[in-house]
Amino acid sequence: MLEVSPMLATPTEVGMPYFAPFIEIEKDILKEAEDELRKTKNSDHIVHVSLNRGMPSTSEINVLMKMVEKIENSQQRMETSVEGILEFLKCVELKMNNWFEELGQK
């Protein structure tokens, strides 16, 4: 019986533990943005934009822009990591296919 290495697991089989560090990073970024906004304004809301209140302040916009940039960077690192895993899996698949072909020829 052929056993599948854990390195060959699909993202579904890997599950949430694999993605947990990325989720934690995004939570940390959000908390950092909330803390920064609380420093600049006494509010429990990140930004509250309405027709009655008008546009958010420059400092609120700057904090949100930094938060978005950090999230984008985190997502880019995650995409790069997933791309690396997929590339590795393609190599393993090719090697296994070659191995099975060699076994079939014997």
PDB file of N, CA and C in Angstrom:
ATOM      1  N   MET A   1       0.840  -1.182   0.000  1.00  0.00           N
ATOM      2  CA  MET A   1       0.000   0.000   0.000  1.00  0.00           C
ATOM      3  C   MET A   1       0.889   1.250   0.000  1.00  0.00           C
ATOM      4  N   LEU A   2       0.570   2.166  -0.876  1.00  0.00           N
ATOM      5  CA  LEU A   2       1.341   3.403  -1.003  1.00  0.00           C
ATOM      6  C   LEU A   2       0.845   4.425   0.011  1.00  0.00           C
ATOM      7  N   GLU A   3       1.754   4.956   0.822  1.00  0.00           N
ATOM      8  CA  GLU A   3       1.390   5.983   1.800  1.00  0.00           C
ATOM      9  C   GLU A   3       1.705   7.353   1.227  1.00  0.00           C
ATOM     10  N   VAL A   4       0.815   8.293   1.487  1.00  0.00           N
ATOM     11  CA  VAL A   4       1.016   9.659   1.012  1.00  0.00           C
ATOM     12  C   VAL A   4       1.713  10.455   2.099  1.00  0.00           C
ATOM     13  N   SER A   5       2.796  11.074   1.727  1.00  0.00           N
ATOM     14  CA  SER A   5       3.543  11.905   2.671  1.00  0.00           C
ATOM     15  C   SER A   5       2.707  13.111   3.078  1.00  0.00           C
ATOM     16  N   PRO A   6       2.829  13.567   4.345  1.00  0.00           N
ATOM     17  CA  PRO A   6       2.119  14.782   4.758  1.00  0.00           C
ATOM     18  C   PRO A   6       2.505  15.988   3.903  1.00  0.00           C
ATOM     19  N   MET A   7       3.689  15.947   3.301  1.00  0.00           N
ATOM     20  CA  MET A   7       4.112  17.052   2.435  1.00  0.00           C
ATOM     21  C   MET A   7       3.266  17.128   1.170  1.00  0.00           C
ATOM     22  N   LEU A   8       2.539  16.036   0.852  1.00  0.00           N
ATOM     23  CA  LEU A   8       1.717  16.015  -0.352  1.00  0.00           C
ATOM     24  C   LEU A   8       0.254  16.323  -0.057  1.00  0.00           C
ATOM     25  N   ALA A   9      -0.047  16.725   1.155  1.00  0.00           N
ATOM     26  CA  ALA A   9      -1.430  17.005   1.531  1.00  0.00           C
ATOM     27  C   ALA A   9      -1.953  18.214   0.768  1.00  0.00           C
ATOM     28  N   THR A  10      -3.251  18.165   0.471  1.00  0.00           N
ATOM     29  CA  THR A  10      -3.886  19.303  -0.197  1.00  0.00           C
ATOM     30  C   THR A  10      -4.146  20.395   0.827  1.00  0.00           C
ATOM     31  N   PRO A  11      -4.401  21.641   0.376  1.00  0.00           N
ATOM     32  CA  PRO A  11      -4.713  22.711   1.341  1.00  0.00           C
ATOM     33  C   PRO A  11      -5.880  22.358   2.256  1.00  0.00           C
ATOM     34  N   THR A  12      -6.875  21.626   1.721  1.00  0.00           N
ATOM     35  CA  THR A  12      -8.014  21.229   2.549  1.00  0.00           C
ATOM     36  C   THR A  12      -7.564  20.263   3.637  1.00  0.00           C
ATOM     37  N   GLU A  13      -6.680  19.324   3.271  1.00  0.00           N
ATOM     38  CA  GLU A  13      -6.185  18.362   4.252  1.00  0.00           C
ATOM     39  C   GLU A  13      -5.263  19.022   5.266  1.00  0.00           C
ATOM     40  N   VAL A  14      -4.523  20.035   4.820  1.00  0.00           N
ATOM     41  CA  VAL A  14      -3.635  20.753   5.730  1.00  0.00           C
ATOM     42  C   VAL A  14      -4.473  21.459   6.785  1.00  0.00           C
ATOM     43  N   GLY A  15      -5.569  22.063   6.364  1.00  0.00           N
ATOM     44  CA  GLY A  15      -6.506  22.688   7.295  1.00  0.00           C
ATOM     45  C   GLY A  15      -6.058  24.045   7.794  1.00  0.00           C
ATOM     46  N   MET A  16      -6.827  24.553   8.745  1.00  0.00           N
ATOM     47  CA  MET A  16      -6.609  25.889   9.282  1.00  0.00           C
ATOM     48  C   MET A  16      -5.262  26.066   9.984  1.00  0.00           C
ATOM     49  N   PRO A  17      -4.699  25.049  10.642  1.00  0.00           N
ATOM     50  CA  PRO A  17      -3.418  25.286  11.310  1.00  0.00           C
ATOM     51  C   PRO A  17      -2.356  25.862  10.374  1.00  0.00           C
ATOM     52  N   TYR A  18      -2.371  25.468   9.101  1.00  0.00           N
ATOM     53  CA  TYR A  18      -1.390  25.993   8.155  1.00  0.00           C
ATOM     54  C   TYR A  18      -1.569  27.498   7.970  1.00  0.00           C
ATOM     55  N   PHE A  19      -2.838  27.939   7.899  1.00  0.00           N
ATOM     56  CA  PHE A  19      -3.122  29.342   7.628  1.00  0.00           C
ATOM     57  C   PHE A  19      -3.183  30.187   8.896  1.00  0.00           C
ATOM     58  N   ALA A  20      -3.131  29.562  10.059  1.00  0.00           N
ATOM     59  CA  ALA A  20      -3.248  30.286  11.331  1.00  0.00           C
ATOM     60  C   ALA A  20      -2.251  31.436  11.466  1.00  0.00           C
ATOM     61  N   PRO A  21      -0.973  31.258  11.112  1.00  0.00           N
ATOM     62  CA  PRO A  21      -0.043  32.394  11.261  1.00  0.00           C
ATOM     63  C   PRO A  21      -0.462  33.620  10.447  1.00  0.00           C
ATOM     64  N   PHE A  22      -0.990  33.386   9.237  1.00  0.00           N
ATOM     65  CA  PHE A  22      -1.411  34.501   8.398  1.00  0.00           C
ATOM     66  C   PHE A  22      -2.641  35.189   8.982  1.00  0.00           C
ATOM     67  N   ILE A  23      -3.557  34.395   9.526  1.00  0.00           N
ATOM     68  CA  ILE A  23      -4.754  34.958  10.150  1.00  0.00           C
ATOM     69  C   ILE A  23      -4.362  35.765  11.376  1.00  0.00           C
ATOM     70  N   GLU A  24      -3.426  35.248  12.158  1.00  0.00           N
ATOM     71  CA  GLU A  24      -2.969  35.968  13.350  1.00  0.00           C
ATOM     72  C   GLU A  24      -2.293  37.285  12.974  1.00  0.00           C
ATOM     73  N   ILE A  25      -1.524  37.282  11.896  1.00  0.00           N
ATOM     74  CA  ILE A  25      -0.870  38.512  11.441  1.00  0.00           C
ATOM     75  C   ILE A  25      -1.925  39.558  11.100  1.00  0.00           C
ATOM     76  N   GLU A  26      -2.974  39.145  10.384  1.00  0.00           N
ATOM     77  CA  GLU A  26      -4.016  40.099  10.016  1.00  0.00           C
ATOM     78  C   GLU A  26      -4.758  40.606  11.248  1.00  0.00           C
ATOM     79  N   LYS A  27      -4.979  39.737  12.234  1.00  0.00           N
ATOM     80  CA  LYS A  27      -5.617  40.182  13.482  1.00  0.00           C
ATOM     81  C   LYS A  27      -4.732  41.204  14.199  1.00  0.00           C
ATOM     82  N   ASP A  28      -3.422  40.939  14.219  1.00  0.00           N
ATOM     83  CA  ASP A  28      -2.485  41.872  14.858  1.00  0.00           C
ATOM     84  C   ASP A  28      -2.487  43.224  14.157  1.00  0.00           C
ATOM     85  N   ILE A  29      -2.526  43.200  12.830  1.00  0.00           N
ATOM     86  CA  ILE A  29      -2.546  44.448  12.063  1.00  0.00           C
ATOM     87  C   ILE A  29      -3.812  45.239  12.375  1.00  0.00           C
ATOM     88  N   LEU A  30      -4.945  44.551  12.419  1.00  0.00           N
ATOM     89  CA  LEU A  30      -6.208  45.221  12.729  1.00  0.00           C
ATOM     90  C   LEU A  30      -6.175  45.814  14.129  1.00  0.00           C
ATOM     91  N   LYS A  31      -5.664  45.057  15.087  1.00  0.00           N
ATOM     92  CA  LYS A  31      -5.580  45.562  16.463  1.00  0.00           C
ATOM     93  C   LYS A  31      -4.668  46.781  16.533  1.00  0.00           C
ATOM     94  N   GLU A  32      -3.552  46.716  15.822  1.00  0.00           N
ATOM     95  CA  GLU A  32      -2.620  47.847  15.796  1.00  0.00           C
ATOM     96  C   GLU A  32      -3.299  49.098  15.223  1.00  0.00           C
ATOM     97  N   ALA A  33      -4.075  48.914  14.156  1.00  0.00           N
ATOM     98  CA  ALA A  33      -4.775  50.057  13.556  1.00  0.00           C
ATOM     99  C   ALA A  33      -5.822  50.614  14.511  1.00  0.00           C
ATOM    100  N   GLU A  34      -6.558  49.719  15.172  1.00  0.00           N
ATOM    101  CA  GLU A  34      -7.565  50.169  16.140  1.00  0.00           C
ATOM    102  C   GLU A  34      -6.907  50.948  17.278  1.00  0.00           C
ATOM    103  N   ASP A  35      -5.790  50.435  17.785  1.00  0.00           N
ATOM    104  CA  ASP A  35      -5.073  51.118  18.871  1.00  0.00           C
ATOM    105  C   ASP A  35      -4.593  52.497  18.428  1.00  0.00           C
ATOM    106  N   GLU A  36      -4.067  52.562  17.217  1.00  0.00           N
ATOM    107  CA  GLU A  36      -3.562  53.836  16.693  1.00  0.00           C
ATOM    108  C   GLU A  36      -4.694  54.853  16.553  1.00  0.00           C
ATOM    109  N   LEU A  37      -5.838  54.387  16.072  1.00  0.00           N
ATOM    110  CA  LEU A  37      -6.973  55.303  15.922  1.00  0.00           C
ATOM    111  C   LEU A  37      -7.499  55.764  17.276  1.00  0.00           C
ATOM    112  N   ARG A  38      -7.468  54.887  18.252  1.00  0.00           N
ATOM    113  CA  ARG A  38      -7.921  55.286  19.589  1.00  0.00           C
ATOM    114  C   ARG A  38      -6.999  56.358  20.175  1.00  0.00           C
ATOM    115  N   LYS A  39      -5.715  56.294  19.808  1.00  0.00           N
ATOM    116  CA  LYS A  39      -4.775  57.316  20.285  1.00  0.00           C
ATOM    117  C   LYS A  39      -5.102  58.682  19.684  1.00  0.00           C
ATOM    118  N   THR A  40      -5.482  58.677  18.403  1.00  0.00           N
ATOM    119  CA  THR A  40      -5.719  59.944  17.714  1.00  0.00           C
ATOM    120  C   THR A  40      -7.130  60.466  17.919  1.00  0.00           C
ATOM    121  N   LYS A  41      -8.030  59.604  18.370  1.00  0.00           N
ATOM    122  CA  LYS A  41      -9.416  60.032  18.538  1.00  0.00           C
ATOM    123  C   LYS A  41     -10.082  59.130  19.568  1.00  0.00           C
ATOM    124  N   ASN A  42     -10.838  59.703  20.466  1.00  0.00           N
ATOM    125  CA  ASN A  42     -11.554  58.903  21.459  1.00  0.00           C
ATOM    126  C   ASN A  42     -12.779  58.282  20.805  1.00  0.00           C
ATOM    127  N   SER A  43     -12.593  57.076  20.313  1.00  0.00           N
ATOM    128  CA  SER A  43     -13.681  56.396  19.618  1.00  0.00           C
ATOM    129  C   SER A  43     -13.472  54.895  19.706  1.00  0.00           C
ATOM    130  N   ASP A  44     -14.566  54.162  19.734  1.00  0.00           N
ATOM    131  CA  ASP A  44     -14.486  52.703  19.717  1.00  0.00           C
ATOM    132  C   ASP A  44     -14.604  52.166  18.298  1.00  0.00           C
ATOM    133  N   HIS A  45     -14.755  53.056  17.345  1.00  0.00           N
ATOM    134  CA  HIS A  45     -14.913  52.644  15.954  1.00  0.00           C
ATOM    135  C   HIS A  45     -13.641  52.961  15.186  1.00  0.00           C
ATOM    136  N   ILE A  46     -13.309  52.108  14.222  1.00  0.00           N
ATOM    137  CA  ILE A  46     -12.121  52.381  13.414  1.00  0.00           C
ATOM    138  C   ILE A  46     -12.346  53.671  12.639  1.00  0.00           C
ATOM    139  N   VAL A  47     -13.339  53.700  11.806  1.00  0.00           N
ATOM    140  CA  VAL A  47     -13.709  54.922  11.091  1.00  0.00           C
ATOM    141  C   VAL A  47     -15.206  54.874  10.873  1.00  0.00           C
ATOM    142  N   HIS A  48     -15.852  55.961  11.135  1.00  0.00           N
ATOM    143  CA  HIS A  48     -17.292  56.024  10.931  1.00  0.00           C
ATOM    144  C   HIS A  48     -17.558  57.146   9.945  1.00  0.00           C
ATOM    145  N   VAL A  49     -17.866  56.768   8.718  1.00  0.00           N
ATOM    146  CA  VAL A  49     -18.111  57.766   7.688  1.00  0.00           C
ATOM    147  C   VAL A  49     -19.597  57.756   7.380  1.00  0.00           C
ATOM    148  N   SER A  50     -20.216  58.891   7.473  1.00  0.00           N
ATOM    149  CA  SER A  50     -21.629  58.999   7.114  1.00  0.00           C
ATOM    150  C   SER A  50     -21.858  60.359   6.488  1.00  0.00           C
ATOM    151  N   LEU A  51     -23.017  60.540   5.885  1.00  0.00           N
ATOM    152  CA  LEU A  51     -23.322  61.827   5.269  1.00  0.00           C
ATOM    153  C   LEU A  51     -23.404  62.928   6.319  1.00  0.00           C
ATOM    154  N   ASN A  52     -23.857  62.592   7.510  1.00  0.00           N
ATOM    155  CA  ASN A  52     -23.991  63.590   8.566  1.00  0.00           C
ATOM    156  C   ASN A  52     -22.632  64.018   9.110  1.00  0.00           C
ATOM    157  N   ARG A  53     -21.697  63.105   9.136  1.00  0.00           N
ATOM    158  CA  ARG A  53     -20.414  63.379   9.784  1.00  0.00           C
ATOM    159  C   ARG A  53     -19.361  63.878   8.807  1.00  0.00           C
ATOM    160  N   GLY A  54     -19.448  63.469   7.568  1.00  0.00           N
ATOM    161  CA  GLY A  54     -18.445  63.880   6.590  1.00  0.00           C
ATOM    162  C   GLY A  54     -17.338  62.854   6.448  1.00  0.00           C
ATOM    163  N   MET A  55     -16.249  63.279   5.858  1.00  0.00           N
ATOM    164  CA  MET A  55     -15.131  62.385   5.579  1.00  0.00           C
ATOM    165  C   MET A  55     -14.261  62.177   6.816  1.00  0.00           C
ATOM    166  N   PRO A  56     -13.563  61.027   6.872  1.00  0.00           N
ATOM    167  CA  PRO A  56     -12.655  60.799   8.007  1.00  0.00           C
ATOM    168  C   PRO A  56     -11.474  61.766   7.949  1.00  0.00           C
ATOM    169  N   SER A  57     -10.818  61.932   9.072  1.00  0.00           N
ATOM    170  CA  SER A  57      -9.670  62.838   9.137  1.00  0.00           C
ATOM    171  C   SER A  57      -8.480  62.247   8.394  1.00  0.00           C
ATOM    172  N   THR A  58      -7.499  63.089   8.122  1.00  0.00           N
ATOM    173  CA  THR A  58      -6.281  62.641   7.440  1.00  0.00           C
ATOM    174  C   THR A  58      -5.572  61.564   8.251  1.00  0.00           C
ATOM    175  N   SER A  59      -5.518  61.733   9.569  1.00  0.00           N
ATOM    176  CA  SER A  59      -4.831  60.727  10.393  1.00  0.00           C
ATOM    177  C   SER A  59      -5.557  59.389  10.328  1.00  0.00           C
ATOM    178  N   GLU A  60      -6.893  59.412  10.303  1.00  0.00           N
ATOM    179  CA  GLU A  60      -7.651  58.158  10.181  1.00  0.00           C
ATOM    180  C   GLU A  60      -7.371  57.501   8.841  1.00  0.00           C
ATOM    181  N   ILE A  61      -7.341  58.293   7.792  1.00  0.00           N
ATOM    182  CA  ILE A  61      -7.059  57.755   6.457  1.00  0.00           C
ATOM    183  C   ILE A  61      -5.649  57.172   6.415  1.00  0.00           C
ATOM    184  N   ASN A  62      -4.681  57.876   6.989  1.00  0.00           N
ATOM    185  CA  ASN A  62      -3.295  57.384   6.996  1.00  0.00           C
ATOM    186  C   ASN A  62      -3.176  56.057   7.730  1.00  0.00           C
ATOM    187  N   VAL A  63      -3.849  55.941   8.867  1.00  0.00           N
ATOM    188  CA  VAL A  63      -3.804  54.689   9.634  1.00  0.00           C
ATOM    189  C   VAL A  63      -4.431  53.562   8.833  1.00  0.00           C
ATOM    190  N   LEU A  64      -5.562  53.839   8.206  1.00  0.00           N
ATOM    191  CA  LEU A  64      -6.218  52.808   7.396  1.00  0.00           C
ATOM    192  C   LEU A  64      -5.352  52.418   6.198  1.00  0.00           C
ATOM    193  N   MET A  65      -4.690  53.384   5.592  1.00  0.00           N
ATOM    194  CA  MET A  65      -3.808  53.076   4.458  1.00  0.00           C
ATOM    195  C   MET A  65      -2.665  52.169   4.910  1.00  0.00           C
ATOM    196  N   LYS A  66      -2.089  52.445   6.085  1.00  0.00           N
ATOM    197  CA  LYS A  66      -1.017  51.598   6.618  1.00  0.00           C
ATOM    198  C   LYS A  66      -1.538  50.192   6.890  1.00  0.00           C
ATOM    199  N   MET A  67      -2.752  50.108   7.449  1.00  0.00           N
ATOM    200  CA  MET A  67      -3.342  48.811   7.753  1.00  0.00           C
ATOM    201  C   MET A  67      -3.552  48.016   6.463  1.00  0.00           C
ATOM    202  N   VAL A  68      -4.101  48.654   5.440  1.00  0.00           N
ATOM    203  CA  VAL A  68      -4.334  47.986   4.160  1.00  0.00           C
ATOM    204  C   VAL A  68      -3.008  47.527   3.556  1.00  0.00           C
ATOM    205  N   GLU A  69      -1.988  48.364   3.637  1.00  0.00           N
ATOM    206  CA  GLU A  69      -0.675  48.001   3.105  1.00  0.00           C
ATOM    207  C   GLU A  69      -0.108  46.774   3.823  1.00  0.00           C
ATOM    208  N   LYS A  70      -0.245  46.730   5.149  1.00  0.00           N
ATOM    209  CA  LYS A  70       0.254  45.576   5.902  1.00  0.00           C
ATOM    210  C   LYS A  70      -0.520  44.312   5.546  1.00  0.00           C
ATOM    211  N   ILE A  71      -1.836  44.438   5.385  1.00  0.00           N
ATOM    212  CA  ILE A  71      -2.645  43.273   5.009  1.00  0.00           C
ATOM    213  C   ILE A  71      -2.250  42.798   3.615  1.00  0.00           C
ATOM    214  N   GLU A  72      -2.059  43.731   2.689  1.00  0.00           N
ATOM    215  CA  GLU A  72      -1.639  43.355   1.336  1.00  0.00           C
ATOM    216  C   GLU A  72      -0.295  42.637   1.363  1.00  0.00           C
ATOM    217  N   ASN A  73       0.641  43.139   2.161  1.00  0.00           N
ATOM    218  CA  ASN A  73       1.953  42.485   2.278  1.00  0.00           C
ATOM    219  C   ASN A  73       1.817  41.084   2.853  1.00  0.00           C
ATOM    220  N   SER A  74       0.957  40.938   3.860  1.00  0.00           N
ATOM    221  CA  SER A  74       0.724  39.628   4.472  1.00  0.00           C
ATOM    222  C   SER A  74       0.123  38.663   3.453  1.00  0.00           C
ATOM    223  N   GLN A  75      -0.845  39.152   2.681  1.00  0.00           N
ATOM    224  CA  GLN A  75      -1.473  38.306   1.669  1.00  0.00           C
ATOM    225  C   GLN A  75      -0.478  37.935   0.573  1.00  0.00           C
ATOM    226  N   GLN A  76       0.397  38.857   0.219  1.00  0.00           N
ATOM    227  CA  GLN A  76       1.417  38.567  -0.789  1.00  0.00           C
ATOM    228  C   GLN A  76       2.358  37.469  -0.298  1.00  0.00           C
ATOM    229  N   ARG A  77       2.756  37.548   0.984  1.00  0.00           N
ATOM    230  CA  ARG A  77       3.622  36.496   1.544  1.00  0.00           C
ATOM    231  C   ARG A  77       2.898  35.151   1.530  1.00  0.00           C
ATOM    232  N   MET A  78       1.601  35.156   1.847  1.00  0.00           N
ATOM    233  CA  MET A  78       0.838  33.917   1.858  1.00  0.00           C
ATOM    234  C   MET A  78       0.743  33.354   0.440  1.00  0.00           C
ATOM    235  N   GLU A  79       0.477  34.210  -0.554  1.00  0.00           N
ATOM    236  CA  GLU A  79       0.399  33.755  -1.941  1.00  0.00           C
ATOM    237  C   GLU A  79       1.730  33.174  -2.397  1.00  0.00           C
ATOM    238  N   THR A  80       2.821  33.828  -2.036  1.00  0.00           N
ATOM    239  CA  THR A  80       4.151  33.335  -2.396  1.00  0.00           C
ATOM    240  C   THR A  80       4.399  31.973  -1.765  1.00  0.00           C
ATOM    241  N   SER A  81       3.994  31.813  -0.511  1.00  0.00           N
ATOM    242  CA  SER A  81       4.163  30.544   0.190  1.00  0.00           C
ATOM    243  C   SER A  81       3.351  29.444  -0.490  1.00  0.00           C
ATOM    244  N   VAL A  82       2.103  29.749  -0.834  1.00  0.00           N
ATOM    245  CA  VAL A  82       1.238  28.761  -1.490  1.00  0.00           C
ATOM    246  C   VAL A  82       1.793  28.420  -2.870  1.00  0.00           C
ATOM    247  N   GLU A  83       2.281  29.430  -3.596  1.00  0.00           N
ATOM    248  CA  GLU A  83       2.877  29.166  -4.912  1.00  0.00           C
ATOM    249  C   GLU A  83       4.080  28.236  -4.783  1.00  0.00           C
ATOM    250  N   GLY A  84       4.882  28.436  -3.751  1.00  0.00           N
ATOM    251  CA  GLY A  84       6.031  27.567  -3.519  1.00  0.00           C
ATOM    252  C   GLY A  84       5.606  26.134  -3.240  1.00  0.00           C
ATOM    253  N   ILE A  85       4.564  25.981  -2.450  1.00  0.00           N
ATOM    254  CA  ILE A  85       4.050  24.637  -2.143  1.00  0.00           C
ATOM    255  C   ILE A  85       3.534  23.974  -3.410  1.00  0.00           C
ATOM    256  N   LEU A  86       2.790  24.723  -4.234  1.00  0.00           N
ATOM    257  CA  LEU A  86       2.259  24.158  -5.477  1.00  0.00           C
ATOM    258  C   LEU A  86       3.387  23.750  -6.423  1.00  0.00           C
ATOM    259  N   GLU A  87       4.428  24.565  -6.498  1.00  0.00           N
ATOM    260  CA  GLU A  87       5.574  24.237  -7.344  1.00  0.00           C
ATOM    261  C   GLU A  87       6.251  22.956  -6.850  1.00  0.00           C
ATOM    262  N   PHE A  88       6.397  22.831  -5.534  1.00  0.00           N
ATOM    263  CA  PHE A  88       6.973  21.631  -4.934  1.00  0.00           C
ATOM    264  C   PHE A  88       6.116  20.407  -5.269  1.00  0.00           C
ATOM    265  N   LEU A  89       4.790  20.561  -5.152  1.00  0.00           N
ATOM    266  CA  LEU A  89       3.886  19.441  -5.434  1.00  0.00           C
ATOM    267  C   LEU A  89       3.956  19.019  -6.898  1.00  0.00           C
ATOM    268  N   LYS A  90       4.117  19.983  -7.799  1.00  0.00           N
ATOM    269  CA  LYS A  90       4.252  19.645  -9.217  1.00  0.00           C
ATOM    270  C   LYS A  90       5.508  18.813  -9.447  1.00  0.00           C
ATOM    271  N   CYS A  91       6.600  19.189  -8.788  1.00  0.00           N
ATOM    272  CA  CYS A  91       7.856  18.429  -8.912  1.00  0.00           C
ATOM    273  C   CYS A  91       7.689  17.011  -8.373  1.00  0.00           C
ATOM    274  N   VAL A  92       7.034  16.892  -7.226  1.00  0.00           N
ATOM    275  CA  VAL A  92       6.813  15.577  -6.623  1.00  0.00           C
ATOM    276  C   VAL A  92       5.922  14.736  -7.529  1.00  0.00           C
ATOM    277  N   GLU A  93       4.877  15.357  -8.084  1.00  0.00           N
ATOM    278  CA  GLU A  93       3.978  14.634  -8.983  1.00  0.00           C
ATOM    279  C   GLU A  93       4.739  14.110 -10.197  1.00  0.00           C
ATOM    280  N   LEU A  94       5.593  14.934 -10.772  1.00  0.00           N
ATOM    281  CA  LEU A  94       6.384  14.519 -11.928  1.00  0.00           C
ATOM    282  C   LEU A  94       7.298  13.352 -11.570  1.00  0.00           C
ATOM    283  N   LYS A  95       7.972  13.439 -10.430  1.00  0.00           N
ATOM    284  CA  LYS A  95       8.857  12.357  -9.995  1.00  0.00           C
ATOM    285  C   LYS A  95       8.078  11.071  -9.752  1.00  0.00           C
ATOM    286  N   MET A  96       6.896  11.191  -9.142  1.00  0.00           N
ATOM    287  CA  MET A  96       6.089   9.991  -8.878  1.00  0.00           C
ATOM    288  C   MET A  96       5.589   9.385 -10.184  1.00  0.00           C
ATOM    289  N   ASN A  97       5.169  10.227 -11.128  1.00  0.00           N
ATOM    290  CA  ASN A  97       4.727   9.710 -12.425  1.00  0.00           C
ATOM    291  C   ASN A  97       5.861   8.978 -13.124  1.00  0.00           C
ATOM    292  N   ASN A  98       7.062   9.539 -13.082  1.00  0.00           N
ATOM    293  CA  ASN A  98       8.225   8.871 -13.682  1.00  0.00           C
ATOM    294  C   ASN A  98       8.513   7.549 -12.981  1.00  0.00           C
ATOM    295  N   TRP A  99       8.392   7.562 -11.659  1.00  0.00           N
ATOM    296  CA  TRP A  99       8.637   6.352 -10.872  1.00  0.00           C
ATOM    297  C   TRP A  99       7.629   5.260 -11.230  1.00  0.00           C
ATOM    298  N   PHE A 100       6.334   5.638 -11.360  1.00  0.00           N
ATOM    299  CA  PHE A 100       5.303   4.660 -11.722  1.00  0.00           C
ATOM    300  C   PHE A 100       5.523   4.133 -13.137  1.00  0.00           C
ATOM    301  N   GLU A 101       5.965   5.002 -14.041  1.00  0.00           N
ATOM    302  CA  GLU A 101       6.261   4.551 -15.404  1.00  0.00           C
ATOM    303  C   GLU A 101       7.399   3.537 -15.397  1.00  0.00           C
ATOM    304  N   GLU A 102       8.432   3.805 -14.606  1.00  0.00           N
ATOM    305  CA  GLU A 102       9.557   2.872 -14.505  1.00  0.00           C
ATOM    306  C   GLU A 102       9.098   1.540 -13.926  1.00  0.00           C
ATOM    307  N   LEU A 103       8.229   1.582 -12.918  1.00  0.00           N
ATOM    308  CA  LEU A 103       7.710   0.340 -12.334  1.00  0.00           C
ATOM    309  C   LEU A 103       6.881  -0.435 -13.351  1.00  0.00           C
ATOM    310  N   GLY A 104       6.108   0.293 -14.161  1.00  0.00           N
ATOM    311  CA  GLY A 104       5.270  -0.355 -15.170  1.00  0.00           C
ATOM    312  C   GLY A 104       6.076  -0.999 -16.277  1.00  0.00           C
ATOM    313  N   GLN A 105       7.260  -0.477 -16.542  1.00  0.00           N
ATOM    314  CA  GLN A 105       8.105  -1.024 -17.602  1.00  0.00           C
ATOM    315  C   GLN A 105       8.866  -2.263 -17.157  1.00  0.00           C
ATOM    316  N   LYS A 106       8.968  -2.479 -15.844  1.00  0.00           N
ATOM    317  CA  LYS A 106       9.723  -3.632 -15.330  1.00  0.00           C
ATOM    318  C   LYS A 106       8.942  -4.897 -15.421  1.00  0.00           C
TER     319      LYS A 106
END
